[in-house]
């Protein structure tokens, strides 16, 4: 029996990378790449990349909190991107690549603020965390070719050079939290 599913919306650089990480976690039912935090309705990828819409590339994660908590998702979030670089992840630069947590409830806000503070104090990163924690307002699903990008395009150069090493490191570090591929509902 599954309890009510919850939603998390996270920005951590290129949504292809973030999607590839979170898709493999137990308790995650769906990960959709899209845009959040901007002022333009139904923006296109080209518009978001122009930095005129205010949107960030994000993933919207539907998860079962009895299997993986919002706090657990954030634990992975802090360790799979650099939350100390403003509007940048590696070579990807621009406001659309900012580190952001778009909270869906006051409870998520409190958990995010506590998690950020604890992670900052832990020394995990040598520089201060600049991740913004802001209320969720809207989410626009990215174009179809952005969905499941790494799974569908594993030989694409960006996937080979950027996403593949990141996913490999993630799978090694979070092996116990990975889905058993024979049971896709966990």
C-alpha atoms as a PDB file:
ATOM      1  CA  UNK A   1       0.000   0.000   0.000  1.00  0.00           C
ATOM      2  CA  UNK A   2       1.426   3.353  -1.033  1.00  0.00           C
ATOM      3  CA  UNK A   3       0.732   6.551   0.833  1.00  0.00           C
ATOM      4  CA  UNK A   4       0.097   9.852  -0.872  1.00  0.00           C
ATOM      5  CA  UNK A   5       2.901  10.860  -3.212  1.00  0.00           C
ATOM      6  CA  UNK A   6       4.647  14.194  -2.723  1.00  0.00           C
ATOM      7  CA  UNK A   7       6.406  16.567  -5.089  1.00  0.00           C
ATOM      8  CA  UNK A   8       9.812  18.225  -4.914  1.00  0.00           C
ATOM      9  CA  UNK A   9      11.115  20.779  -7.399  1.00  0.00           C
ATOM     10  CA  UNK A  10      14.884  21.213  -7.523  1.00  0.00           C
ATOM     11  CA  UNK A  11      17.319  23.158  -9.682  1.00  0.00           C
ATOM     12  CA  UNK A  12      20.930  21.985  -9.729  1.00  0.00           C
ATOM     13  CA  UNK A  13      22.337  22.943 -13.104  1.00  0.00           C
ATOM     14  CA  UNK A  14      21.501  21.190 -16.355  1.00  0.00           C
ATOM     15  CA  UNK A  15      18.270  19.288 -15.892  1.00  0.00           C
ATOM     16  CA  UNK A  16      19.622  16.364 -17.922  1.00  0.00           C
ATOM     17  CA  UNK A  17      22.179  15.706 -15.164  1.00  0.00           C
ATOM     18  CA  UNK A  18      19.723  16.159 -12.303  1.00  0.00           C
ATOM     19  CA  UNK A  19      17.090  13.962 -13.935  1.00  0.00           C
ATOM     20  CA  UNK A  20      19.649  11.160 -14.492  1.00  0.00           C
ATOM     21  CA  UNK A  21      20.535  11.166 -10.781  1.00  0.00           C
ATOM     22  CA  UNK A  22      17.091  11.261  -9.204  1.00  0.00           C
ATOM     23  CA  UNK A  23      15.504   8.724 -11.588  1.00  0.00           C
ATOM     24  CA  UNK A  24      17.549   5.957  -9.976  1.00  0.00           C
ATOM     25  CA  UNK A  25      16.522   6.520  -6.338  1.00  0.00           C
ATOM     26  CA  UNK A  26      14.209   4.118  -4.531  1.00  0.00           C
ATOM     27  CA  UNK A  27      10.886   5.774  -3.803  1.00  0.00           C
ATOM     28  CA  UNK A  28      11.082   8.161  -6.753  1.00  0.00           C
ATOM     29  CA  UNK A  29       8.139   7.510  -9.052  1.00  0.00           C
ATOM     30  CA  UNK A  30       8.726  10.138 -11.720  1.00  0.00           C
ATOM     31  CA  UNK A  31      11.229  12.835 -12.666  1.00  0.00           C
ATOM     32  CA  UNK A  32      10.233  15.458 -15.219  1.00  0.00           C
ATOM     33  CA  UNK A  33      12.604  18.070 -16.610  1.00  0.00           C
ATOM     34  CA  UNK A  34      11.216  21.572 -16.861  1.00  0.00           C
ATOM     35  CA  UNK A  35      11.363  25.204 -15.880  1.00  0.00           C
ATOM     36  CA  UNK A  36      10.399  27.033 -12.672  1.00  0.00           C
ATOM     37  CA  UNK A  37      10.879  30.367 -11.001  1.00  0.00           C
ATOM     38  CA  UNK A  38      10.299  32.636 -13.953  1.00  0.00           C
ATOM     39  CA  UNK A  39       7.757  35.143 -15.164  1.00  0.00           C
ATOM     40  CA  UNK A  40       6.940  33.888 -18.672  1.00  0.00           C
ATOM     41  CA  UNK A  41       4.180  31.315 -19.126  1.00  0.00           C
ATOM     42  CA  UNK A  42       5.094  28.160 -21.053  1.00  0.00           C
ATOM     43  CA  UNK A  43       8.664  29.209 -21.885  1.00  0.00           C
ATOM     44  CA  UNK A  44      10.688  27.391 -24.502  1.00  0.00           C
ATOM     45  CA  UNK A  45      14.212  26.124 -23.935  1.00  0.00           C
ATOM     46  CA  UNK A  46      15.529  28.849 -26.234  1.00  0.00           C
ATOM     47  CA  UNK A  47      13.715  31.536 -24.189  1.00  0.00           C
ATOM     48  CA  UNK A  48      15.025  30.142 -20.886  1.00  0.00           C
ATOM     49  CA  UNK A  49      18.582  30.046 -22.256  1.00  0.00           C
ATOM     50  CA  UNK A  50      18.273  33.718 -23.263  1.00  0.00           C
ATOM     51  CA  UNK A  51      18.064  34.527 -19.512  1.00  0.00           C
ATOM     52  CA  UNK A  52      15.069  36.807 -20.102  1.00  0.00           C
ATOM     53  CA  UNK A  53      12.370  34.648 -18.486  1.00  0.00           C
ATOM     54  CA  UNK A  54      13.806  34.246 -14.982  1.00  0.00           C
ATOM     55  CA  UNK A  55      13.338  30.473 -15.084  1.00  0.00           C
ATOM     56  CA  UNK A  56      15.749  27.858 -13.813  1.00  0.00           C
ATOM     57  CA  UNK A  57      16.182  24.442 -15.360  1.00  0.00           C
ATOM     58  CA  UNK A  58      14.642  22.138 -12.760  1.00  0.00           C
ATOM     59  CA  UNK A  59      13.364  18.651 -12.209  1.00  0.00           C
ATOM     60  CA  UNK A  60      10.020  17.945 -10.650  1.00  0.00           C
ATOM     61  CA  UNK A  61      10.245  14.767  -8.610  1.00  0.00           C
ATOM     62  CA  UNK A  62       7.225  12.724  -7.564  1.00  0.00           C
ATOM     63  CA  UNK A  63       8.205  10.531  -4.625  1.00  0.00           C
ATOM     64  CA  UNK A  64       6.809   8.230  -1.952  1.00  0.00           C
ATOM     65  CA  UNK A  65       7.761   9.786   1.401  1.00  0.00           C
ATOM     66  CA  UNK A  66       7.492   6.444   3.226  1.00  0.00           C
ATOM     67  CA  UNK A  67      10.343   5.177   1.012  1.00  0.00           C
ATOM     68  CA  UNK A  68      12.410   8.342   0.551  1.00  0.00           C
ATOM     69  CA  UNK A  69      11.831  11.551   2.480  1.00  0.00           C
ATOM     70  CA  UNK A  70      12.220  15.116   1.238  1.00  0.00           C
ATOM     71  CA  UNK A  71      15.192  15.342   3.611  1.00  0.00           C
ATOM     72  CA  UNK A  72      16.753  12.293   1.905  1.00  0.00           C
ATOM     73  CA  UNK A  73      16.248  13.898  -1.516  1.00  0.00           C
ATOM     74  CA  UNK A  74      18.039  17.000  -0.286  1.00  0.00           C
ATOM     75  CA  UNK A  75      20.914  14.895   1.065  1.00  0.00           C
ATOM     76  CA  UNK A  76      21.441  13.625  -2.491  1.00  0.00           C
ATOM     77  CA  UNK A  77      20.867  17.127  -3.932  1.00  0.00           C
ATOM     78  CA  UNK A  78      23.687  18.698  -1.857  1.00  0.00           C
ATOM     79  CA  UNK A  79      26.128  15.951  -2.878  1.00  0.00           C
ATOM     80  CA  UNK A  80      25.474  15.731  -6.607  1.00  0.00           C
ATOM     81  CA  UNK A  81      26.033  19.320  -7.681  1.00  0.00           C
ATOM     82  CA  UNK A  82      28.060  22.302  -6.469  1.00  0.00           C
ATOM     83  CA  UNK A  83      25.648  24.482  -4.480  1.00  0.00           C
ATOM     84  CA  UNK A  84      28.343  27.101  -3.884  1.00  0.00           C
ATOM     85  CA  UNK A  85      28.599  28.466  -7.427  1.00  0.00           C
ATOM     86  CA  UNK A  86      26.165  31.221  -8.350  1.00  0.00           C
ATOM     87  CA  UNK A  87      24.371  30.621 -11.667  1.00  0.00           C
ATOM     88  CA  UNK A  88      26.842  27.981 -12.731  1.00  0.00           C
ATOM     89  CA  UNK A  89      27.496  24.244 -12.755  1.00  0.00           C
ATOM     90  CA  UNK A  90      30.876  23.352 -14.270  1.00  0.00           C
ATOM     91  CA  UNK A  91      30.924  24.775 -17.830  1.00  0.00           C
ATOM     92  CA  UNK A  92      27.171  25.509 -17.821  1.00  0.00           C
ATOM     93  CA  UNK A  93      26.757  29.190 -17.004  1.00  0.00           C
ATOM     94  CA  UNK A  94      23.680  31.395 -16.685  1.00  0.00           C
ATOM     95  CA  UNK A  95      20.809  32.065 -14.319  1.00  0.00           C
ATOM     96  CA  UNK A  96      18.946  29.021 -15.664  1.00  0.00           C
ATOM     97  CA  UNK A  97      21.645  26.828 -14.043  1.00  0.00           C
ATOM     98  CA  UNK A  98      21.219  28.241 -10.545  1.00  0.00           C
ATOM     99  CA  UNK A  99      20.973  26.020  -7.513  1.00  0.00           C
ATOM    100  CA  UNK A 100      17.429  26.274  -6.130  1.00  0.00           C
ATOM    101  CA  UNK A 101      14.889  24.524  -3.971  1.00  0.00           C
ATOM    102  CA  UNK A 102      11.308  25.475  -4.840  1.00  0.00           C
ATOM    103  CA  UNK A 103       9.366  24.431  -1.753  1.00  0.00           C
ATOM    104  CA  UNK A 104       5.767  23.226  -2.016  1.00  0.00           C
ATOM    105  CA  UNK A 105       4.833  23.676   1.656  1.00  0.00           C
ATOM    106  CA  UNK A 106       5.964  25.381   4.836  1.00  0.00           C
ATOM    107  CA  UNK A 107       7.197  21.968   5.993  1.00  0.00           C
ATOM    108  CA  UNK A 108       9.417  21.633   2.904  1.00  0.00           C
ATOM    109  CA  UNK A 109      10.686  25.179   3.470  1.00  0.00           C
ATOM    110  CA  UNK A 110      11.669  24.387   7.073  1.00  0.00           C
ATOM    111  CA  UNK A 111      13.340  21.115   6.055  1.00  0.00           C
ATOM    112  CA  UNK A 112      15.220  22.846   3.210  1.00  0.00           C
ATOM    113  CA  UNK A 113      16.456  25.694   5.421  1.00  0.00           C
ATOM    114  CA  UNK A 114      17.599  23.267   8.134  1.00  0.00           C
ATOM    115  CA  UNK A 115      19.262  20.982   5.585  1.00  0.00           C
ATOM    116  CA  UNK A 116      21.062  23.894   3.924  1.00  0.00           C
ATOM    117  CA  UNK A 117      22.289  25.233   7.263  1.00  0.00           C
ATOM    118  CA  UNK A 118      23.514  21.821   8.419  1.00  0.00           C
ATOM    119  CA  UNK A 119      25.194  21.062   5.095  1.00  0.00           C
ATOM    120  CA  UNK A 120      26.874  24.469   5.057  1.00  0.00           C
ATOM    121  CA  UNK A 121      28.157  23.938   8.616  1.00  0.00           C
ATOM    122  CA  UNK A 122      29.351  20.384   7.857  1.00  0.00           C
ATOM    123  CA  UNK A 123      32.269  21.520   5.709  1.00  0.00           C
ATOM    124  CA  UNK A 124      31.098  19.385   2.787  1.00  0.00           C
ATOM    125  CA  UNK A 125      31.865  22.356   0.528  1.00  0.00           C
ATOM    126  CA  UNK A 126      34.789  24.762   1.107  1.00  0.00           C
ATOM    127  CA  UNK A 127      32.703  27.789   0.097  1.00  0.00           C
ATOM    128  CA  UNK A 128      29.304  28.963   1.402  1.00  0.00           C
ATOM    129  CA  UNK A 129      26.190  27.452  -0.162  1.00  0.00           C
ATOM    130  CA  UNK A 130      24.324  29.951  -2.367  1.00  0.00           C
ATOM    131  CA  UNK A 131      21.286  27.777  -3.129  1.00  0.00           C
ATOM    132  CA  UNK A 132      18.092  29.804  -3.096  1.00  0.00           C
ATOM    133  CA  UNK A 133      15.100  28.459  -1.180  1.00  0.00           C
ATOM    134  CA  UNK A 134      11.985  29.998  -2.672  1.00  0.00           C
ATOM    135  CA  UNK A 135       8.268  29.234  -2.833  1.00  0.00           C
ATOM    136  CA  UNK A 136       7.094  27.093  -5.710  1.00  0.00           C
ATOM    137  CA  UNK A 137       4.837  29.072  -8.032  1.00  0.00           C
ATOM    138  CA  UNK A 138       4.657  27.151 -11.293  1.00  0.00           C
ATOM    139  CA  UNK A 139       6.317  24.422 -13.307  1.00  0.00           C
ATOM    140  CA  UNK A 140       6.444  24.123 -17.056  1.00  0.00           C
ATOM    141  CA  UNK A 141       7.432  20.786 -18.535  1.00  0.00           C
ATOM    142  CA  UNK A 142      10.387  21.034 -20.902  1.00  0.00           C
ATOM    143  CA  UNK A 143      10.122  19.971 -24.500  1.00  0.00           C
ATOM    144  CA  UNK A 144       9.842  16.235 -25.131  1.00  0.00           C
ATOM    145  CA  UNK A 145      13.412  15.810 -26.348  1.00  0.00           C
ATOM    146  CA  UNK A 146      14.668  16.926 -22.903  1.00  0.00           C
ATOM    147  CA  UNK A 147      12.836  14.124 -21.062  1.00  0.00           C
ATOM    148  CA  UNK A 148      14.871  11.034 -20.118  1.00  0.00           C
ATOM    149  CA  UNK A 149      17.728  12.611 -22.046  1.00  0.00           C
ATOM    150  CA  UNK A 150      20.592  10.586 -20.603  1.00  0.00           C
ATOM    151  CA  UNK A 151      18.693   7.295 -20.853  1.00  0.00           C
ATOM    152  CA  UNK A 152      17.775   7.949 -24.491  1.00  0.00           C
ATOM    153  CA  UNK A 153      21.068   9.541 -25.614  1.00  0.00           C
ATOM    154  CA  UNK A 154      23.880   7.814 -23.673  1.00  0.00           C
ATOM    155  CA  UNK A 155      26.395   8.209 -26.507  1.00  0.00           C
ATOM    156  CA  UNK A 156      25.812  11.928 -27.017  1.00  0.00           C
ATOM    157  CA  UNK A 157      29.083  13.785 -26.180  1.00  0.00           C
ATOM    158  CA  UNK A 158      27.595  15.843 -23.296  1.00  0.00           C
ATOM    159  CA  UNK A 159      26.208  12.641 -21.791  1.00  0.00           C
ATOM    160  CA  UNK A 160      29.548  10.863 -22.107  1.00  0.00           C
ATOM    161  CA  UNK A 161      31.691  13.733 -20.826  1.00  0.00           C
ATOM    162  CA  UNK A 162      29.468  15.291 -18.146  1.00  0.00           C
ATOM    163  CA  UNK A 163      26.522  13.128 -17.137  1.00  0.00           C
ATOM    164  CA  UNK A 164      28.088   9.652 -17.270  1.00  0.00           C
ATOM    165  CA  UNK A 165      30.902  10.410 -14.778  1.00  0.00           C
ATOM    166  CA  UNK A 166      28.432  12.195 -12.475  1.00  0.00           C
ATOM    167  CA  UNK A 167      26.014   9.258 -12.549  1.00  0.00           C
ATOM    168  CA  UNK A 168      28.868   6.806 -11.957  1.00  0.00           C
ATOM    169  CA  UNK A 169      30.036   8.699  -8.873  1.00  0.00           C
ATOM    170  CA  UNK A 170      26.436   8.964  -7.624  1.00  0.00           C
ATOM    171  CA  UNK A 171      25.775   5.227  -8.068  1.00  0.00           C
ATOM    172  CA  UNK A 172      28.943   4.364  -6.175  1.00  0.00           C
ATOM    173  CA  UNK A 173      28.167   6.725  -3.277  1.00  0.00           C
ATOM    174  CA  UNK A 174      24.425   5.979  -3.036  1.00  0.00           C
ATOM    175  CA  UNK A 175      24.392   2.279  -3.946  1.00  0.00           C
ATOM    176  CA  UNK A 176      22.068   1.323  -1.056  1.00  0.00           C
ATOM    177  CA  UNK A 177      19.460   3.901  -2.178  1.00  0.00           C
ATOM    178  CA  UNK A 178      19.294   2.795  -5.820  1.00  0.00           C
ATOM    179  CA  UNK A 179      16.229   1.228  -7.373  1.00  0.00           C
ATOM    180  CA  UNK A 180      16.230  -2.441  -8.104  1.00  0.00           C
ATOM    181  CA  UNK A 181      15.519  -2.318 -11.843  1.00  0.00           C
ATOM    182  CA  UNK A 182      13.321  -5.430 -11.557  1.00  0.00           C
ATOM    183  CA  UNK A 183      10.904  -3.444  -9.361  1.00  0.00           C
ATOM    184  CA  UNK A 184      10.321  -0.060 -10.991  1.00  0.00           C
ATOM    185  CA  UNK A 185       7.680   0.967  -8.420  1.00  0.00           C
ATOM    186  CA  UNK A 186      10.249   1.414  -5.662  1.00  0.00           C
END
